N, C-alpha and C. Protein backbone atom coordinates (compact mmCIF):
# COMPACT_ATOMS: atom_id res chain seq x y z
N MET A 1 -77.87 -139.74 60.67
CA MET A 1 -76.92 -139.87 61.72
C MET A 1 -75.52 -139.47 61.32
N SER A 2 -75.36 -139.37 60.15
CA SER A 2 -74.04 -139.02 59.71
C SER A 2 -73.64 -137.65 60.23
N ASP A 3 -74.63 -136.79 60.32
CA ASP A 3 -74.34 -135.47 60.88
C ASP A 3 -73.98 -135.61 62.35
N LEU A 4 -74.66 -136.46 63.03
CA LEU A 4 -74.38 -136.70 64.44
C LEU A 4 -73.01 -137.36 64.60
N GLU A 5 -72.66 -138.26 63.74
CA GLU A 5 -71.36 -138.93 63.80
C GLU A 5 -70.23 -137.95 63.50
N LYS A 6 -70.51 -137.04 62.55
CA LYS A 6 -69.50 -136.04 62.22
C LYS A 6 -69.26 -135.14 63.43
N ARG A 7 -70.35 -134.78 64.07
CA ARG A 7 -70.21 -133.93 65.25
C ARG A 7 -69.47 -134.69 66.36
N GLN A 8 -69.81 -135.94 66.49
CA GLN A 8 -69.17 -136.75 67.51
C GLN A 8 -67.68 -136.89 67.19
N ASP A 9 -67.34 -137.08 65.93
CA ASP A 9 -65.93 -137.18 65.53
C ASP A 9 -65.21 -135.85 65.81
N ARG A 10 -65.91 -134.79 65.50
CA ARG A 10 -65.31 -133.47 65.76
C ARG A 10 -65.09 -133.26 67.26
N ILE A 11 -66.10 -133.66 68.01
CA ILE A 11 -65.97 -133.51 69.46
C ILE A 11 -64.82 -134.37 69.96
N GLU A 12 -64.70 -135.59 69.46
CA GLU A 12 -63.59 -136.46 69.88
C GLU A 12 -62.25 -135.87 69.46
N ASP A 13 -62.20 -135.31 68.21
CA ASP A 13 -60.97 -134.65 67.76
C ASP A 13 -60.64 -133.46 68.66
N SER A 14 -61.69 -132.70 68.98
CA SER A 14 -61.49 -131.54 69.85
C SER A 14 -61.00 -131.97 71.22
N ILE A 15 -61.60 -133.04 71.74
CA ILE A 15 -61.20 -133.56 73.06
C ILE A 15 -59.75 -134.03 73.01
N SER A 16 -59.40 -134.76 71.93
CA SER A 16 -58.03 -135.25 71.84
C SER A 16 -57.04 -134.09 71.69
N LYS A 17 -57.43 -133.07 70.91
CA LYS A 17 -56.56 -131.89 70.78
C LYS A 17 -56.45 -131.14 72.11
N LEU A 18 -57.59 -131.01 72.80
CA LEU A 18 -57.56 -130.36 74.11
C LEU A 18 -56.70 -131.16 75.09
N THR A 19 -56.78 -132.48 74.98
CA THR A 19 -55.95 -133.34 75.84
C THR A 19 -54.48 -133.12 75.53
N GLU A 20 -54.16 -133.05 74.23
CA GLU A 20 -52.77 -132.79 73.84
C GLU A 20 -52.32 -131.42 74.36
N ILE A 21 -53.19 -130.45 74.20
CA ILE A 21 -52.87 -129.10 74.67
C ILE A 21 -52.68 -129.11 76.19
N ALA A 22 -53.55 -129.81 76.89
CA ALA A 22 -53.43 -129.90 78.35
C ALA A 22 -52.13 -130.58 78.73
N ASN A 23 -51.78 -131.64 78.02
CA ASN A 23 -50.50 -132.33 78.29
C ASN A 23 -49.33 -131.41 78.00
N ASP A 24 -49.40 -130.70 76.87
CA ASP A 24 -48.32 -129.76 76.54
C ASP A 24 -48.22 -128.65 77.59
N LEU A 25 -49.38 -128.17 78.03
CA LEU A 25 -49.38 -127.14 79.07
C LEU A 25 -48.79 -127.68 80.37
N ASN A 26 -49.12 -128.91 80.71
CA ASN A 26 -48.54 -129.54 81.91
C ASN A 26 -47.03 -129.64 81.79
N LYS A 27 -46.55 -130.00 80.59
CA LYS A 27 -45.10 -130.06 80.38
C LYS A 27 -44.48 -128.68 80.52
N ILE A 28 -45.13 -127.68 79.92
CA ILE A 28 -44.61 -126.31 80.00
C ILE A 28 -44.60 -125.84 81.45
N ILE A 29 -45.68 -126.13 82.17
CA ILE A 29 -45.76 -125.73 83.58
C ILE A 29 -44.67 -126.44 84.38
N ALA A 30 -44.44 -127.72 84.10
CA ALA A 30 -43.40 -128.46 84.80
C ALA A 30 -42.04 -127.85 84.53
N VAL A 31 -41.78 -127.50 83.27
CA VAL A 31 -40.50 -126.88 82.92
C VAL A 31 -40.37 -125.54 83.63
N HIS A 32 -41.44 -124.75 83.62
CA HIS A 32 -41.40 -123.46 84.30
C HIS A 32 -41.20 -123.63 85.80
N ASP A 33 -41.84 -124.63 86.39
CA ASP A 33 -41.63 -124.90 87.81
C ASP A 33 -40.18 -125.25 88.09
N GLN A 34 -39.59 -126.07 87.22
CA GLN A 34 -38.18 -126.43 87.39
C GLN A 34 -37.30 -125.19 87.27
N ARG A 35 -37.63 -124.37 86.29
CA ARG A 35 -36.85 -123.13 86.11
C ARG A 35 -37.00 -122.22 87.33
N LEU A 36 -38.21 -122.09 87.83
CA LEU A 36 -38.43 -121.27 89.01
C LEU A 36 -37.67 -121.80 90.21
N LEU A 37 -37.72 -123.11 90.39
CA LEU A 37 -36.96 -123.72 91.50
C LEU A 37 -35.47 -123.47 91.34
N GLN A 38 -34.98 -123.63 90.12
CA GLN A 38 -33.56 -123.40 89.87
C GLN A 38 -33.21 -121.93 90.12
N GLN A 39 -34.09 -121.03 89.68
CA GLN A 39 -33.84 -119.61 89.91
C GLN A 39 -33.85 -119.29 91.41
N GLU A 40 -34.76 -119.92 92.14
CA GLU A 40 -34.77 -119.71 93.59
C GLU A 40 -33.48 -120.20 94.23
N LYS A 41 -33.02 -121.39 93.79
CA LYS A 41 -31.76 -121.91 94.31
C LYS A 41 -30.61 -120.98 93.95
N ASP A 42 -30.59 -120.53 92.69
CA ASP A 42 -29.54 -119.61 92.25
C ASP A 42 -29.61 -118.30 93.04
N SER A 43 -30.82 -117.82 93.28
CA SER A 43 -30.98 -116.59 94.05
C SER A 43 -30.46 -116.77 95.47
N GLU A 44 -30.74 -117.91 96.07
CA GLU A 44 -30.24 -118.18 97.42
C GLU A 44 -28.72 -118.22 97.43
N VAL A 45 -28.15 -118.89 96.44
CA VAL A 45 -26.69 -118.97 96.35
C VAL A 45 -26.11 -117.57 96.17
N LEU A 46 -26.69 -116.80 95.28
CA LEU A 46 -26.21 -115.44 95.05
C LEU A 46 -26.36 -114.58 96.30
N PHE A 47 -27.49 -114.73 96.98
CA PHE A 47 -27.69 -113.96 98.21
C PHE A 47 -26.63 -114.32 99.24
N LYS A 48 -26.35 -115.61 99.38
CA LYS A 48 -25.32 -116.04 100.33
C LYS A 48 -23.95 -115.48 99.93
N MET A 49 -23.66 -115.51 98.63
CA MET A 49 -22.38 -114.97 98.16
C MET A 49 -22.29 -113.47 98.43
N VAL A 50 -23.37 -112.76 98.15
CA VAL A 50 -23.38 -111.32 98.39
C VAL A 50 -23.22 -111.04 99.88
N GLU A 51 -23.91 -111.80 100.69
CA GLU A 51 -23.82 -111.61 102.14
C GLU A 51 -22.40 -111.91 102.64
N THR A 52 -21.79 -112.96 102.10
CA THR A 52 -20.42 -113.30 102.46
C THR A 52 -19.47 -112.17 102.06
N ARG A 53 -19.63 -111.66 100.86
CA ARG A 53 -18.78 -110.57 100.38
C ARG A 53 -19.00 -109.31 101.23
N ARG A 54 -20.25 -109.06 101.59
CA ARG A 54 -20.55 -107.89 102.41
C ARG A 54 -19.84 -108.00 103.77
N LYS A 55 -19.92 -109.20 104.37
CA LYS A 55 -19.26 -109.40 105.66
C LYS A 55 -17.74 -109.25 105.52
N GLU A 56 -17.18 -109.81 104.43
CA GLU A 56 -15.74 -109.68 104.20
C GLU A 56 -15.35 -108.21 104.06
N GLN A 57 -16.13 -107.47 103.30
CA GLN A 57 -15.84 -106.05 103.11
C GLN A 57 -15.99 -105.29 104.43
N GLU A 58 -16.98 -105.66 105.19
CA GLU A 58 -17.19 -105.03 106.50
C GLU A 58 -15.98 -105.28 107.40
N ASP A 59 -15.50 -106.53 107.40
CA ASP A 59 -14.32 -106.88 108.21
C ASP A 59 -13.09 -106.11 107.73
N LYS A 60 -12.90 -106.05 106.42
CA LYS A 60 -11.75 -105.33 105.88
C LYS A 60 -11.84 -103.84 106.21
N LEU A 61 -13.03 -103.30 106.12
CA LEU A 61 -13.22 -101.89 106.44
C LEU A 61 -12.93 -101.64 107.92
N GLN A 62 -13.36 -102.57 108.76
CA GLN A 62 -13.08 -102.44 110.20
C GLN A 62 -11.57 -102.50 110.44
N GLU A 63 -10.87 -103.38 109.72
CA GLU A 63 -9.41 -103.45 109.84
C GLU A 63 -8.78 -102.12 109.46
N VAL A 64 -9.28 -101.53 108.38
CA VAL A 64 -8.76 -100.25 107.93
C VAL A 64 -9.00 -99.19 109.00
N TYR A 65 -10.21 -99.16 109.56
CA TYR A 65 -10.52 -98.19 110.62
C TYR A 65 -9.62 -98.40 111.83
N ASP A 66 -9.42 -99.66 112.20
CA ASP A 66 -8.55 -99.95 113.34
C ASP A 66 -7.12 -99.49 113.07
N THR A 67 -6.64 -99.75 111.85
CA THR A 67 -5.29 -99.33 111.48
C THR A 67 -5.18 -97.82 111.51
N ILE A 68 -6.19 -97.15 111.00
CA ILE A 68 -6.18 -95.68 111.00
C ILE A 68 -6.16 -95.17 112.44
N GLU A 69 -6.97 -95.76 113.30
CA GLU A 69 -6.99 -95.33 114.70
C GLU A 69 -5.64 -95.55 115.36
N ASP A 70 -5.02 -96.72 115.09
CA ASP A 70 -3.71 -96.99 115.67
C ASP A 70 -2.68 -95.97 115.19
N LYS A 71 -2.68 -95.71 113.89
CA LYS A 71 -1.73 -94.75 113.33
C LYS A 71 -2.00 -93.35 113.89
N GLU A 72 -3.27 -93.02 114.04
CA GLU A 72 -3.61 -91.70 114.57
C GLU A 72 -3.10 -91.56 116.01
N GLU A 73 -3.29 -92.62 116.81
CA GLU A 73 -2.80 -92.58 118.18
C GLU A 73 -1.29 -92.43 118.22
N LYS A 74 -0.59 -93.16 117.34
CA LYS A 74 0.88 -93.07 117.29
C LYS A 74 1.31 -91.66 116.90
N VAL A 75 0.64 -91.11 115.90
CA VAL A 75 1.00 -89.76 115.44
C VAL A 75 0.74 -88.74 116.55
N LEU A 76 -0.39 -88.87 117.23
CA LEU A 76 -0.70 -87.94 118.32
C LEU A 76 0.32 -88.06 119.45
N ARG A 77 0.72 -89.30 119.75
CA ARG A 77 1.74 -89.50 120.78
C ARG A 77 3.06 -88.85 120.37
N GLU A 78 3.43 -89.05 119.10
CA GLU A 78 4.68 -88.45 118.61
C GLU A 78 4.60 -86.93 118.65
N ILE A 79 3.46 -86.38 118.27
CA ILE A 79 3.28 -84.92 118.31
C ILE A 79 3.43 -84.43 119.75
N LYS A 80 2.82 -85.15 120.69
CA LYS A 80 2.92 -84.76 122.10
C LYS A 80 4.37 -84.83 122.56
N ASN A 81 5.07 -85.90 122.17
CA ASN A 81 6.48 -86.04 122.55
C ASN A 81 7.31 -84.90 121.98
N VAL A 82 7.08 -84.59 120.72
CA VAL A 82 7.83 -83.49 120.09
C VAL A 82 7.50 -82.18 120.78
N ARG A 83 6.23 -81.95 121.11
CA ARG A 83 5.83 -80.73 121.80
C ARG A 83 6.52 -80.64 123.17
N ASP A 84 6.55 -81.76 123.89
CA ASP A 84 7.21 -81.76 125.20
C ASP A 84 8.71 -81.51 125.06
N GLU A 85 9.33 -82.16 124.07
CA GLU A 85 10.76 -81.95 123.84
C GLU A 85 11.03 -80.50 123.45
N THR A 86 10.17 -79.96 122.61
CA THR A 86 10.34 -78.56 122.19
C THR A 86 10.19 -77.62 123.38
N ARG A 87 9.21 -77.90 124.21
CA ARG A 87 9.00 -77.07 125.40
C ARG A 87 10.24 -77.13 126.30
N THR A 88 10.77 -78.34 126.51
CA THR A 88 11.95 -78.52 127.35
C THR A 88 13.14 -77.76 126.75
N HIS A 89 13.30 -77.92 125.43
CA HIS A 89 14.36 -77.22 124.72
C HIS A 89 14.20 -75.71 124.86
N PHE A 90 12.99 -75.24 124.70
CA PHE A 90 12.72 -73.80 124.80
C PHE A 90 13.05 -73.28 126.20
N MET A 91 12.65 -74.04 127.21
CA MET A 91 12.93 -73.61 128.58
C MET A 91 14.45 -73.55 128.83
N ALA A 92 15.17 -74.55 128.33
CA ALA A 92 16.62 -74.56 128.51
C ALA A 92 17.25 -73.38 127.78
N LEU A 93 16.82 -73.13 126.56
CA LEU A 93 17.36 -71.99 125.81
C LEU A 93 16.99 -70.67 126.48
N ASN A 94 15.79 -70.60 127.02
CA ASN A 94 15.36 -69.38 127.70
C ASN A 94 16.24 -69.11 128.92
N GLN A 95 16.57 -70.17 129.67
CA GLN A 95 17.45 -70.01 130.84
C GLN A 95 18.84 -69.56 130.39
N LYS A 96 19.35 -70.17 129.31
CA LYS A 96 20.68 -69.79 128.83
C LYS A 96 20.68 -68.34 128.35
N MET A 97 19.61 -67.95 127.65
CA MET A 97 19.52 -66.56 127.18
C MET A 97 19.45 -65.61 128.36
N ALA A 98 18.74 -65.99 129.40
CA ALA A 98 18.66 -65.15 130.60
C ALA A 98 20.04 -64.98 131.21
N GLN A 99 20.83 -66.06 131.25
CA GLN A 99 22.19 -65.97 131.79
C GLN A 99 23.06 -65.08 130.91
N VAL A 100 22.93 -65.25 129.59
CA VAL A 100 23.73 -64.44 128.67
C VAL A 100 23.36 -62.97 128.84
N GLU A 101 22.06 -62.68 128.95
CA GLU A 101 21.63 -61.30 129.14
C GLU A 101 22.18 -60.74 130.46
N LYS A 102 22.14 -61.57 131.48
CA LYS A 102 22.65 -61.14 132.79
C LYS A 102 24.12 -60.77 132.68
N TYR A 103 24.92 -61.66 132.03
CA TYR A 103 26.34 -61.39 131.87
C TYR A 103 26.57 -60.19 130.95
N MET A 104 25.73 -60.04 129.93
CA MET A 104 25.86 -58.92 129.01
C MET A 104 25.64 -57.61 129.76
N TRP A 105 24.59 -57.54 130.58
CA TRP A 105 24.31 -56.32 131.32
C TRP A 105 25.38 -56.07 132.37
N MET A 106 25.89 -57.16 132.91
CA MET A 106 26.99 -56.98 133.86
C MET A 106 28.22 -56.41 133.14
N ALA A 107 28.50 -56.91 131.93
CA ALA A 107 29.64 -56.41 131.16
C ALA A 107 29.41 -54.96 130.77
N VAL A 108 28.19 -54.62 130.36
CA VAL A 108 27.88 -53.23 129.99
C VAL A 108 28.05 -52.34 131.22
N GLY A 109 27.50 -52.79 132.33
CA GLY A 109 27.65 -52.02 133.57
C GLY A 109 29.12 -51.87 133.96
N GLY A 110 29.88 -52.97 133.84
CA GLY A 110 31.32 -52.93 134.16
C GLY A 110 32.05 -51.99 133.21
N GLY A 111 31.66 -52.02 131.92
CA GLY A 111 32.30 -51.14 130.93
C GLY A 111 32.00 -49.69 131.24
N ILE A 112 30.75 -49.39 131.61
CA ILE A 112 30.38 -48.02 131.96
C ILE A 112 31.15 -47.58 133.20
N ALA A 113 31.22 -48.48 134.21
CA ALA A 113 31.95 -48.14 135.43
C ALA A 113 33.43 -47.94 135.13
N ALA A 114 34.00 -48.79 134.28
CA ALA A 114 35.43 -48.67 133.93
C ALA A 114 35.67 -47.37 133.16
N SER A 115 34.78 -47.04 132.20
CA SER A 115 34.98 -45.79 131.44
C SER A 115 34.81 -44.58 132.35
N TRP A 116 33.91 -44.62 133.28
CA TRP A 116 33.75 -43.51 134.21
C TRP A 116 34.99 -43.37 135.09
N LEU A 117 35.49 -44.53 135.55
CA LEU A 117 36.68 -44.51 136.39
C LEU A 117 37.87 -43.98 135.61
N ILE A 118 38.02 -44.41 134.35
CA ILE A 118 39.14 -43.94 133.53
C ILE A 118 39.01 -42.44 133.29
N SER A 119 37.79 -42.00 132.96
CA SER A 119 37.61 -40.56 132.72
C SER A 119 37.85 -39.78 134.02
N PHE A 120 37.44 -40.32 135.15
CA PHE A 120 37.68 -39.65 136.43
C PHE A 120 39.17 -39.58 136.72
N LEU A 121 39.88 -40.66 136.41
CA LEU A 121 41.32 -40.68 136.63
C LEU A 121 42.01 -39.66 135.72
N PHE A 122 41.57 -39.55 134.49
CA PHE A 122 42.17 -38.57 133.58
C PHE A 122 41.91 -37.15 134.09
N LYS A 123 40.73 -36.92 134.63
CA LYS A 123 40.42 -35.59 135.19
C LYS A 123 41.32 -35.32 136.40
N LEU A 124 41.57 -36.33 137.23
CA LEU A 124 42.42 -36.14 138.40
C LEU A 124 43.88 -35.90 137.98
N ILE A 125 44.30 -36.55 136.94
CA ILE A 125 45.67 -36.42 136.47
C ILE A 125 45.85 -35.00 135.89
N LYS A 126 44.86 -34.47 135.21
CA LYS A 126 44.94 -33.14 134.61
C LYS A 126 44.94 -32.06 135.67
N ILE A 127 44.37 -32.27 136.75
CA ILE A 127 44.29 -31.26 137.77
C ILE A 127 45.59 -31.11 138.44
């Protein structure tokens, strides 16, 4: 029976070692479960932070777009105002130039008429 007792002792030792291993595995699994839960919580927190940052960036980007649109509208309005003022200025200058040309041609015509009259008078005086 000693052989049977030895086997029984070995089996009991094996069972106790397997029990220890099972307990150690349970502890390891529990630790891993805790780590997984913590990682899930951390992931959720990080996801919320990333989502918050994304929304903030989206809002800031929208503000920038709105500002650009406002500035663009102001610039376009100013360009239109300058164009209208330039057109008005051009029309006024064009009218003044037309008057100056009219007076210039009148003066040229008057000068030609005066020179013709003077030359005609000189011809009459010579005769």
